[in-house]
C-alpha atoms as a PDB file:
ATOM      1  CA  MET A   1     -24.590 -89.906 -82.307  1.00  0.00           C
ATOM      2  CA  ASP A   2     -27.550 -89.441 -79.896  1.00  0.00           C
ATOM      3  CA  SER A   3     -28.667 -92.322 -77.666  1.00  0.00           C
ATOM      4  CA  ARG A   4     -31.943 -90.560 -76.558  1.00  0.00           C
ATOM      5  CA  PRO A   5     -35.233 -92.119 -77.683  1.00  0.00           C
ATOM      6  CA  ILE A   6     -37.596 -91.081 -80.460  1.00  0.00           C
ATOM      7  CA  GLY A   7     -41.079 -89.944 -79.291  1.00  0.00           C
ATOM      8  CA  VAL A   8     -44.260 -90.907 -81.175  1.00  0.00           C
ATOM      9  CA  PHE A   9     -47.879 -90.079 -80.321  1.00  0.00           C
ATOM     10  CA  ASP A  10     -51.287 -90.669 -81.641  1.00  0.00           C
ATOM     11  CA  SER A  11     -54.866 -90.481 -80.451  1.00  0.00           C
ATOM     12  CA  GLY A  12     -54.847 -94.187 -79.844  1.00  0.00           C
ATOM     13  CA  LEU A  13     -53.417 -97.280 -81.552  1.00  0.00           C
ATOM     14  CA  GLY A  14     -53.017 -96.064 -85.116  1.00  0.00           C
ATOM     15  CA  GLY A  15     -49.557 -94.616 -84.544  1.00  0.00           C
ATOM     16  CA  LEU A  16     -48.344 -98.043 -83.922  1.00  0.00           C
ATOM     17  CA  THR A  17     -48.223 -98.485 -87.712  1.00  0.00           C
ATOM     18  CA  VAL A  18     -45.610 -95.681 -87.680  1.00  0.00           C
ATOM     19  CA  VAL A  19     -43.824 -97.461 -84.781  1.00  0.00           C
ATOM     20  CA  ARG A  20     -43.702-100.665 -86.780  1.00  0.00           C
ATOM     21  CA  ALA A  21     -41.980 -98.883 -89.746  1.00  0.00           C
ATOM     22  CA  LEU A  22     -39.572 -97.176 -87.388  1.00  0.00           C
ATOM     23  CA  ILE A  23     -38.656-100.486 -85.666  1.00  0.00           C
ATOM     24  CA  ASP A  24     -38.071-102.146 -89.097  1.00  0.00           C
ATOM     25  CA  LEU A  25     -35.932 -99.284 -90.513  1.00  0.00           C
ATOM     26  CA  LEU A  26     -34.186 -98.155 -87.329  1.00  0.00           C
ATOM     27  CA  PRO A  27     -34.040-101.250 -85.075  1.00  0.00           C
ATOM     28  CA  ASP A  28     -31.364 -99.792 -82.728  1.00  0.00           C
ATOM     29  CA  GLU A  29     -33.443 -96.739 -81.821  1.00  0.00           C
ATOM     30  CA  HIS A  30     -35.166 -96.522 -78.462  1.00  0.00           C
ATOM     31  CA  LEU A  31     -38.799 -95.393 -78.663  1.00  0.00           C
ATOM     32  CA  VAL A  32     -41.371 -93.833 -76.321  1.00  0.00           C
ATOM     33  CA  TYR A  33     -44.976 -94.083 -77.681  1.00  0.00           C
ATOM     34  CA  PHE A  34     -47.995 -92.313 -76.178  1.00  0.00           C
ATOM     35  CA  GLY A  35     -51.502 -93.347 -77.165  1.00  0.00           C
ATOM     36  CA  ASP A  36     -54.094 -90.912 -75.909  1.00  0.00           C
ATOM     37  CA  THR A  37     -56.881 -93.534 -75.906  1.00  0.00           C
ATOM     38  CA  GLY A  38     -58.541 -91.927 -72.825  1.00  0.00           C
ATOM     39  CA  ARG A  39     -59.430 -88.901 -75.057  1.00  0.00           C
ATOM     40  CA  PHE A  40     -59.855 -90.738 -78.250  1.00  0.00           C
ATOM     41  CA  PRO A  41     -60.981 -89.996 -81.062  1.00  0.00           C
ATOM     42  CA  TYR A  42     -59.409 -86.784 -82.210  1.00  0.00           C
ATOM     43  CA  GLY A  43     -61.039 -86.595 -85.643  1.00  0.00           C
ATOM     44  CA  PRO A  44     -64.408 -85.157 -84.676  1.00  0.00           C
ATOM     45  CA  LYS A  45     -63.042 -82.726 -82.015  1.00  0.00           C
ATOM     46  CA  PRO A  46     -62.572 -79.033 -82.576  1.00  0.00           C
ATOM     47  CA  ARG A  47     -59.097 -77.928 -83.743  1.00  0.00           C
ATOM     48  CA  GLU A  48     -58.444 -75.931 -80.633  1.00  0.00           C
ATOM     49  CA  GLU A  49     -59.016 -79.002 -78.492  1.00  0.00           C
ATOM     50  CA  VAL A  50     -56.692 -81.211 -80.605  1.00  0.00           C
ATOM     51  CA  LEU A  51     -54.105 -78.445 -80.496  1.00  0.00           C
ATOM     52  CA  LYS A  52     -54.178 -78.324 -76.743  1.00  0.00           C
ATOM     53  CA  TYR A  53     -53.810 -82.191 -76.581  1.00  0.00           C
ATOM     54  CA  ALA A  54     -50.808 -82.098 -78.958  1.00  0.00           C
ATOM     55  CA  PHE A  55     -49.026 -79.477 -76.871  1.00  0.00           C
ATOM     56  CA  GLN A  56     -49.684 -81.520 -73.691  1.00  0.00           C
ATOM     57  CA  ILE A  57     -48.303 -84.745 -75.199  1.00  0.00           C
ATOM     58  CA  THR A  58     -45.359 -83.075 -76.862  1.00  0.00           C
ATOM     59  CA  GLU A  59     -44.451 -81.629 -73.362  1.00  0.00           C
ATOM     60  CA  LEU A  60     -44.817 -85.103 -71.965  1.00  0.00           C
ATOM     61  CA  LEU A  61     -42.491 -86.605 -74.429  1.00  0.00           C
ATOM     62  CA  ILE A  62     -39.951 -83.867 -74.087  1.00  0.00           C
ATOM     63  CA  GLY A  63     -40.034 -84.684 -70.409  1.00  0.00           C
ATOM     64  CA  HIS A  64     -38.799 -88.176 -71.424  1.00  0.00           C
ATOM     65  CA  ASP A  65     -35.802 -86.472 -73.130  1.00  0.00           C
ATOM     66  CA  VAL A  66     -36.698 -87.591 -76.666  1.00  0.00           C
ATOM     67  CA  LYS A  67     -34.542 -86.355 -79.460  1.00  0.00           C
ATOM     68  CA  LEU A  68     -37.310 -86.124 -82.025  1.00  0.00           C
ATOM     69  CA  VAL A  69     -41.109 -86.158 -81.908  1.00  0.00           C
ATOM     70  CA  VAL A  70     -43.236 -87.883 -84.562  1.00  0.00           C
ATOM     71  CA  VAL A  71     -46.775 -86.634 -84.617  1.00  0.00           C
ATOM     72  CA  GLY A  72     -48.080 -90.011 -85.707  1.00  0.00           C
ATOM     73  CA  CYS A  73     -51.697 -88.744 -85.901  1.00  0.00           C
ATOM     74  CA  ASN A  74     -52.974 -87.072 -89.099  1.00  0.00           C
ATOM     75  CA  SER A  75     -55.706 -85.113 -87.105  1.00  0.00           C
ATOM     76  CA  ALA A  76     -53.057 -83.792 -84.720  1.00  0.00           C
ATOM     77  CA  ALA A  77     -50.561 -83.098 -87.519  1.00  0.00           C
ATOM     78  CA  ALA A  78     -53.257 -81.150 -89.440  1.00  0.00           C
ATOM     79  CA  ALA A  79     -54.228 -79.176 -86.383  1.00  0.00           C
ATOM     80  CA  ALA A  80     -50.963 -78.598 -84.615  1.00  0.00           C
ATOM     81  CA  LEU A  81     -47.704 -79.419 -86.508  1.00  0.00           C
ATOM     82  CA  THR A  82     -46.956 -75.800 -87.501  1.00  0.00           C
ATOM     83  CA  GLU A  83     -47.585 -74.485 -84.024  1.00  0.00           C
ATOM     84  CA  LEU A  84     -45.512 -77.256 -82.479  1.00  0.00           C
ATOM     85  CA  ARG A  85     -42.498 -76.477 -84.673  1.00  0.00           C
ATOM     86  CA  ALA A  86     -42.802 -72.826 -83.813  1.00  0.00           C
ATOM     87  CA  ARG A  87     -42.753 -73.519 -79.982  1.00  0.00           C
ATOM     88  CA  TYR A  88     -40.222 -76.340 -79.580  1.00  0.00           C
ATOM     89  CA  GLU A  89     -36.595 -76.793 -80.628  1.00  0.00           C
ATOM     90  CA  VAL A  90     -36.823 -80.528 -80.774  1.00  0.00           C
ATOM     91  CA  PRO A  91     -37.290 -81.721 -84.382  1.00  0.00           C
ATOM     92  CA  LEU A  92     -40.876 -82.645 -85.189  1.00  0.00           C
ATOM     93  CA  THR A  93     -42.044 -84.795 -88.029  1.00  0.00           C
ATOM     94  CA  GLY A  94     -45.673 -85.389 -89.221  1.00  0.00           C
ATOM     95  CA  VAL A  95     -47.268 -87.924 -91.443  1.00  0.00           C
ATOM     96  CA  ILE A  96     -48.979 -85.753 -94.114  1.00  0.00           C
ATOM     97  CA  GLU A  97     -46.149 -84.665 -96.394  1.00  0.00           C
ATOM     98  CA  PRO A  98     -44.399 -88.075 -96.460  1.00  0.00           C
ATOM     99  CA  GLY A  99     -47.528 -89.832 -97.583  1.00  0.00           C
ATOM    100  CA  LEU A 100     -48.270 -87.342-100.324  1.00  0.00           C
ATOM    101  CA  ARG A 101     -44.762 -87.426-101.644  1.00  0.00           C
ATOM    102  CA  ALA A 102     -44.959 -91.196-101.971  1.00  0.00           C
ATOM    103  CA  ALA A 103     -48.328 -90.998-103.697  1.00  0.00           C
ATOM    104  CA  ALA A 104     -47.039 -88.450-106.146  1.00  0.00           C
ATOM    105  CA  LYS A 105     -44.253 -90.873-107.091  1.00  0.00           C
ATOM    106  CA  ALA A 106     -46.741 -93.792-107.384  1.00  0.00           C
ATOM    107  CA  THR A 107     -49.506 -92.297-109.398  1.00  0.00           C
ATOM    108  CA  ARG A 108     -49.653 -92.904-113.200  1.00  0.00           C
ATOM    109  CA  SER A 109     -52.705 -90.794-113.984  1.00  0.00           C
ATOM    110  CA  GLY A 110     -52.171 -87.891-111.646  1.00  0.00           C
ATOM    111  CA  ARG A 111     -55.467 -88.708-109.850  1.00  0.00           C
ATOM    112  CA  ILE A 112     -54.797 -89.134-106.166  1.00  0.00           C
ATOM    113  CA  GLY A 113     -57.304 -89.870-103.429  1.00  0.00           C
ATOM    114  CA  VAL A 114     -56.969 -89.162 -99.746  1.00  0.00           C
ATOM    115  CA  ILE A 115     -59.067 -90.541 -97.006  1.00  0.00           C
ATOM    116  CA  GLY A 116     -58.982 -89.441 -93.441  1.00  0.00           C
ATOM    117  CA  THR A 117     -60.967 -88.360 -90.359  1.00  0.00           C
ATOM    118  CA  VAL A 118     -63.473 -85.574 -90.546  1.00  0.00           C
ATOM    119  CA  GLY A 119     -61.116 -83.200 -88.821  1.00  0.00           C
ATOM    120  CA  THR A 120     -58.172 -84.047 -91.135  1.00  0.00           C
ATOM    121  CA  ILE A 121     -60.105 -83.603 -94.283  1.00  0.00           C
ATOM    122  CA  ALA A 122     -61.966 -80.505 -93.168  1.00  0.00           C
ATOM    123  CA  SER A 123     -58.673 -78.862 -92.085  1.00  0.00           C
ATOM    124  CA  GLY A 124     -57.518 -78.688 -95.741  1.00  0.00           C
ATOM    125  CA  ALA A 125     -54.044 -79.849 -94.671  1.00  0.00           C
ATOM    126  CA  TYR A 126     -53.648 -82.338 -97.442  1.00  0.00           C
ATOM    127  CA  GLN A 127     -55.029 -80.045-100.058  1.00  0.00           C
ATOM    128  CA  ARG A 128     -52.405 -77.375 -98.984  1.00  0.00           C
ATOM    129  CA  ALA A 129     -49.636 -79.819 -98.925  1.00  0.00           C
ATOM    130  CA  ALA A 130     -50.596 -81.096-102.385  1.00  0.00           C
ATOM    131  CA  GLU A 131     -50.466 -77.593-103.861  1.00  0.00           C
ATOM    132  CA  ALA A 132     -46.970 -77.130-102.398  1.00  0.00           C
ATOM    133  CA  LEU A 133     -45.522 -80.581-103.107  1.00  0.00           C
ATOM    134  CA  CYS A 134     -47.255 -81.829-106.225  1.00  0.00           C
ATOM    135  CA  PRO A 135     -49.366 -79.032-107.862  1.00  0.00           C
ATOM    136  CA  GLY A 136     -50.030 -81.074-111.000  1.00  0.00           C
ATOM    137  CA  VAL A 137     -52.091 -83.794-109.333  1.00  0.00           C
ATOM    138  CA  GLU A 138     -55.832 -83.963-109.161  1.00  0.00           C
ATOM    139  CA  LEU A 139     -56.675 -84.575-105.489  1.00  0.00           C
ATOM    140  CA  THR A 140     -59.979 -86.094-104.227  1.00  0.00           C
ATOM    141  CA  CYS A 141     -60.440 -86.177-100.489  1.00  0.00           C
ATOM    142  CA  ALA A 142     -63.098 -88.064 -98.511  1.00  0.00           C
ATOM    143  CA  ALA A 143     -63.763 -88.282 -94.835  1.00  0.00           C
ATOM    144  CA  CYS A 144     -64.319 -91.774 -93.335  1.00  0.00           C
ATOM    145  CA  PRO A 145     -66.027 -91.455 -90.009  1.00  0.00           C
ATOM    146  CA  GLY A 146     -66.258 -94.726 -88.205  1.00  0.00           C
ATOM    147  CA  PHE A 147     -63.083 -96.363 -89.491  1.00  0.00           C
ATOM    148  CA  VAL A 148     -61.023 -95.339 -86.486  1.00  0.00           C
ATOM    149  CA  GLU A 149     -63.644 -96.630 -84.105  1.00  0.00           C
ATOM    150  CA  PHE A 150     -63.735-100.064 -85.725  1.00  0.00           C
ATOM    151  CA  VAL A 151     -59.910-100.385 -85.580  1.00  0.00           C
ATOM    152  CA  GLU A 152     -59.805 -99.293 -81.867  1.00  0.00           C
ATOM    153  CA  ALA A 153     -62.439-101.937 -81.167  1.00  0.00           C
ATOM    154  CA  GLY A 154     -60.197-104.590 -82.848  1.00  0.00           C
ATOM    155  CA  ASP A 155     -62.576-105.094 -85.779  1.00  0.00           C
ATOM    156  CA  VAL A 156     -60.834-104.737 -89.096  1.00  0.00           C
ATOM    157  CA  ASP A 157     -62.540-107.197 -91.391  1.00  0.00           C
ATOM    158  CA  SER A 158     -66.104-107.746 -90.472  1.00  0.00           C
ATOM    159  CA  ASP A 159     -69.051-107.479 -92.939  1.00  0.00           C
ATOM    160  CA  GLN A 160     -70.016-104.187 -91.242  1.00  0.00           C
ATOM    161  CA  VAL A 161     -66.583-102.696 -91.930  1.00  0.00           C
ATOM    162  CA  PHE A 162     -66.865-103.789 -95.620  1.00  0.00           C
ATOM    163  CA  VAL A 163     -70.270-102.180 -96.002  1.00  0.00           C
ATOM    164  CA  LEU A 164     -69.077 -98.938 -94.343  1.00  0.00           C
ATOM    165  CA  ALA A 165     -66.010 -98.870 -96.578  1.00  0.00           C
ATOM    166  CA  GLU A 166     -68.133 -99.320 -99.787  1.00  0.00           C
ATOM    167  CA  ARG A 167     -70.215 -96.244 -98.797  1.00  0.00           C
ATOM    168  CA  LEU A 168     -67.393 -93.980 -97.564  1.00  0.00           C
ATOM    169  CA  LEU A 169     -64.983 -94.833-100.477  1.00  0.00           C
ATOM    170  CA  ALA A 170     -67.588 -94.021-103.122  1.00  0.00           C
ATOM    171  CA  PRO A 171     -66.248 -90.469-103.885  1.00  0.00           C
ATOM    172  CA  VAL A 172     -62.665 -91.633-104.504  1.00  0.00           C
ATOM    173  CA  ARG A 173     -63.846 -94.535-106.604  1.00  0.00           C
ATOM    174  CA  ALA A 174     -66.068 -92.192-108.643  1.00  0.00           C
ATOM    175  CA  ALA A 175     -62.978 -89.923-109.263  1.00  0.00           C
ATOM    176  CA  ALA A 176     -61.139 -92.954-110.730  1.00  0.00           C
ATOM    177  CA  VAL A 177     -58.011 -92.470-108.625  1.00  0.00           C
ATOM    178  CA  ASP A 178     -55.182 -94.802-109.196  1.00  0.00           C
ATOM    179  CA  THR A 179     -53.445 -94.017-105.909  1.00  0.00           C
ATOM    180  CA  LEU A 180     -55.052 -93.655-102.455  1.00  0.00           C
ATOM    181  CA  VAL A 181     -53.312 -92.176 -99.387  1.00  0.00           C
ATOM    182  CA  LEU A 182     -54.418 -93.708 -96.168  1.00  0.00           C
ATOM    183  CA  GLY A 183     -54.558 -90.389 -94.386  1.00  0.00           C
ATOM    184  CA  CYS A 184     -54.934 -91.753 -90.932  1.00  0.00           C
ATOM    185  CA  THR A 185     -52.411 -93.984 -89.174  1.00  0.00           C
ATOM    186  CA  HIS A 186     -55.301 -96.311 -88.179  1.00  0.00           C
ATOM    187  CA  TYR A 187     -56.304 -96.946 -91.832  1.00  0.00           C
ATOM    188  CA  PRO A 188     -53.378 -99.337 -92.771  1.00  0.00           C
ATOM    189  CA  LEU A 189     -54.926-101.764 -90.347  1.00  0.00           C
ATOM    190  CA  LEU A 190     -57.962-101.754 -92.624  1.00  0.00           C
ATOM    191  CA  ALA A 191     -55.883-102.045 -95.786  1.00  0.00           C
ATOM    192  CA  ARG A 192     -57.292-105.404 -96.872  1.00  0.00           C
ATOM    193  CA  THR A 193     -60.835-104.220 -96.725  1.00  0.00           C
ATOM    194  CA  ILE A 194     -59.996-100.924 -98.310  1.00  0.00           C
ATOM    195  CA  GLY A 195     -58.040-102.684-101.107  1.00  0.00           C
ATOM    196  CA  ASP A 196     -60.928-105.049-101.758  1.00  0.00           C
ATOM    197  CA  VAL A 197     -63.370-102.125-102.208  1.00  0.00           C
ATOM    198  CA  MET A 198     -60.954-100.081-104.347  1.00  0.00           C
ATOM    199  CA  GLY A 199     -59.772-102.783-106.554  1.00  0.00           C
ATOM    200  CA  ARG A 200     -56.322-104.224-107.296  1.00  0.00           C
ATOM    201  CA  ASP A 201     -55.332-101.496-109.743  1.00  0.00           C
ATOM    202  CA  VAL A 202     -55.375 -98.807-107.047  1.00  0.00           C
ATOM    203  CA  VAL A 203     -52.102 -98.350-105.057  1.00  0.00           C
ATOM    204  CA  LEU A 204     -52.604 -97.878-101.359  1.00  0.00           C
ATOM    205  CA  VAL A 205     -50.101 -95.500 -99.700  1.00  0.00           C
ATOM    206  CA  SER A 206     -49.393 -95.786 -96.021  1.00  0.00           C
ATOM    207  CA  SER A 207     -47.614 -92.791 -94.540  1.00  0.00           C
ATOM    208  CA  GLY A 208     -45.885 -94.979 -91.826  1.00  0.00           C
ATOM    209  CA  GLU A 209     -42.985 -96.187 -93.950  1.00  0.00           C
ATOM    210  CA  GLU A 210     -42.467 -92.855 -95.653  1.00  0.00           C
ATOM    211  CA  THR A 211     -42.403 -91.119 -92.218  1.00  0.00           C
ATOM    212  CA  ALA A 212     -39.870 -93.622 -90.990  1.00  0.00           C
ATOM    213  CA  PHE A 213     -37.602 -92.731 -93.965  1.00  0.00           C
ATOM    214  CA  GLU A 214     -38.068 -89.094 -93.168  1.00  0.00           C
ATOM    215  CA  VAL A 215     -37.122 -89.647 -89.548  1.00  0.00           C
ATOM    216  CA  ALA A 216     -33.990 -91.462 -90.660  1.00  0.00           C
ATOM    217  CA  ALA A 217     -33.069 -88.585 -92.895  1.00  0.00           C
ATOM    218  CA  VAL A 218     -33.568 -86.027 -90.109  1.00  0.00           C
ATOM    219  CA  LEU A 219     -31.371 -88.066 -87.739  1.00  0.00           C
ATOM    220  CA  ASP A 220     -28.656 -88.566 -90.378  1.00  0.00           C
ATOM    221  CA  ALA A 221     -28.626 -84.780 -91.156  1.00  0.00           C
ATOM    222  CA  VAL A 222     -27.553 -84.034 -87.568  1.00  0.00           C
ATOM    223  CA  GLY A 223     -25.607 -87.228 -86.870  1.00  0.00           C
ATOM    224  CA  ALA A 224     -28.209 -88.408 -84.246  1.00  0.00           C
ATOM    225  CA  ARG A 225     -28.669 -91.977 -85.100  1.00  0.00           C
ATOM    226  CA  ARG A 226     -28.224 -94.286 -82.122  1.00  0.00           C
ATOM    227  CA  PRO A 227     -25.351 -96.776 -82.694  1.00  0.00           C
ATOM    228  CA  PRO A 228     -25.932-100.480 -82.213  1.00  0.00           C
ATOM    229  CA  ALA A 229     -25.319-101.597 -78.614  1.00  0.00           C
ATOM    230  CA  ALA A 230     -21.945-103.273 -78.369  1.00  0.00           C
ATOM    231  CA  GLY A 231     -22.169-106.928 -77.814  1.00  0.00           C
ATOM    232  CA  ALA A 232     -26.033-106.982 -77.813  1.00  0.00           C
ATOM    233  CA  PRO A 233     -27.732-109.949 -79.439  1.00  0.00           C
ATOM    234  CA  LYS A 234     -29.283-109.040 -82.759  1.00  0.00           C
ATOM    235  CA  ASP A 235     -32.678-110.178 -81.658  1.00  0.00           C
ATOM    236  CA  SER A 236     -32.582-108.516 -78.192  1.00  0.00           C
ATOM    237  CA  GLY A 237     -34.610-105.539 -79.306  1.00  0.00           C
ATOM    238  CA  ALA A 238     -34.068-101.856 -78.336  1.00  0.00           C
ATOM    239  CA  PRO A 239     -36.057-100.551 -75.316  1.00  0.00           C
ATOM    240  CA  ARG A 240     -39.451 -99.298 -76.223  1.00  0.00           C
ATOM    241  CA  ARG A 241     -41.899 -97.692 -73.768  1.00  0.00           C
ATOM    242  CA  PHE A 242     -45.693 -97.568 -74.330  1.00  0.00           C
ATOM    243  CA  LEU A 243     -47.880 -95.205 -72.314  1.00  0.00           C
ATOM    244  CA  THR A 244     -51.606 -94.726 -72.652  1.00  0.00           C
ATOM    245  CA  SER A 245     -54.164 -92.458 -71.066  1.00  0.00           C
ATOM    246  CA  GLY A 246     -56.745 -95.212 -71.435  1.00  0.00           C
ATOM    247  CA  ASP A 247     -56.896 -98.863 -70.222  1.00  0.00           C
ATOM    248  CA  PRO A 248     -53.365-100.377 -70.359  1.00  0.00           C
ATOM    249  CA  ALA A 249     -54.699-103.922 -70.590  1.00  0.00           C
ATOM    250  CA  VAL A 250     -56.866-103.070 -73.628  1.00  0.00           C
ATOM    251  CA  PHE A 251     -53.930-101.220 -75.239  1.00  0.00           C
ATOM    252  CA  ARG A 252     -51.562-104.092 -74.596  1.00  0.00           C
ATOM    253  CA  ALA A 253     -53.989-106.703 -76.067  1.00  0.00           C
ATOM    254  CA  LEU A 254     -54.845-104.730 -79.245  1.00  0.00           C
ATOM    255  CA  GLY A 255     -51.370-103.319 -79.579  1.00  0.00           C
ATOM    256  CA  SER A 256     -49.784-106.771 -79.587  1.00  0.00           C
ATOM    257  CA  ARG A 257     -52.230-107.816 -82.260  1.00  0.00           C
ATOM    258  CA  PHE A 258     -51.432-104.777 -84.563  1.00  0.00           C
ATOM    259  CA  LEU A 259     -47.733-104.217 -83.760  1.00  0.00           C
ATOM    260  CA  GLY A 260     -46.384-107.463 -82.471  1.00  0.00           C
ATOM    261  CA  PRO A 261     -44.506-108.785 -79.332  1.00  0.00           C
ATOM    262  CA  GLU A 262     -42.846-105.486 -78.921  1.00  0.00           C
ATOM    263  CA  VAL A 263     -45.974-104.294 -77.026  1.00  0.00           C
ATOM    264  CA  ASP A 264     -45.140-105.932 -73.674  1.00  0.00           C
ATOM    265  CA  ALA A 265     -45.572-103.635 -70.668  1.00  0.00           C
ATOM    266  CA  VAL A 266     -47.964-100.639 -71.014  1.00  0.00           C
ATOM    267  CA  GLU A 267     -47.856 -97.851 -68.589  1.00  0.00           C
ATOM    268  CA  ALA A 268     -50.963 -95.985 -67.484  1.00  0.00           C
ATOM    269  CA  TRP A 269     -51.044 -92.126 -67.640  1.00  0.00           C
ATOM    270  CA  ARG A 270     -53.509 -89.918 -66.004  1.00  0.00           C
ATOM    271  CA  TRP A 271     -53.928 -86.280 -66.989  1.00  0.00           C
ATOM    272  CA  SER A 272     -54.187 -84.090 -63.910  1.00  0.00           C
END
């Protein structure tokens, strides 16, 4: 039993899809979320720069006495998860392996697609994870520059987004995949548009829910789930803190739209 919060971070708002899944699965857990919107996006940045940011944010979350850190950003997980695990004793969970495991269970043909940022796809992280977890699948990866920027601007269903999706998803459509991993935590917010382009026969896999199941398993393995608060109303909600290196007002407005009323107060953070 461990009453400390779970820490989650992302380059911006995308990690809120992971937070949503965590709240739904583990409603009694306290959460601290950091959205690095002041240095967004991570996808096009060099690996060394993303690695530096990941270390800084993990240190920040550990300073908030978290019991587990979720790297809720595919670009950061691809660049830094191995190094973070080597440096810190706190348990760290990424979003790449959970998503692939779910896709391997869902596919009927063995043809799986992965879409992500330029940095995530270029890193080869999904390709390496697929070789280790599901070597029999045929993996087709495609970078989708521009998707994250649309989400961060609050535009998830315009004609411009649809046209961009038709162009960027062409490689995975040509590969006749039957399962598509949304390899960026921003992408579930574009699920309707992506689903329209891919067709109803293609299963879309969001890593958020699978990551939440993995977090629950890690906590259970060491007996670290937080117990329900005695006498607390069921709808009272566990404390959740949201910090951003960008504009708190913008984060609150878009975060409330994407996550829900849980995004109330948003704290500003400035890197020194």
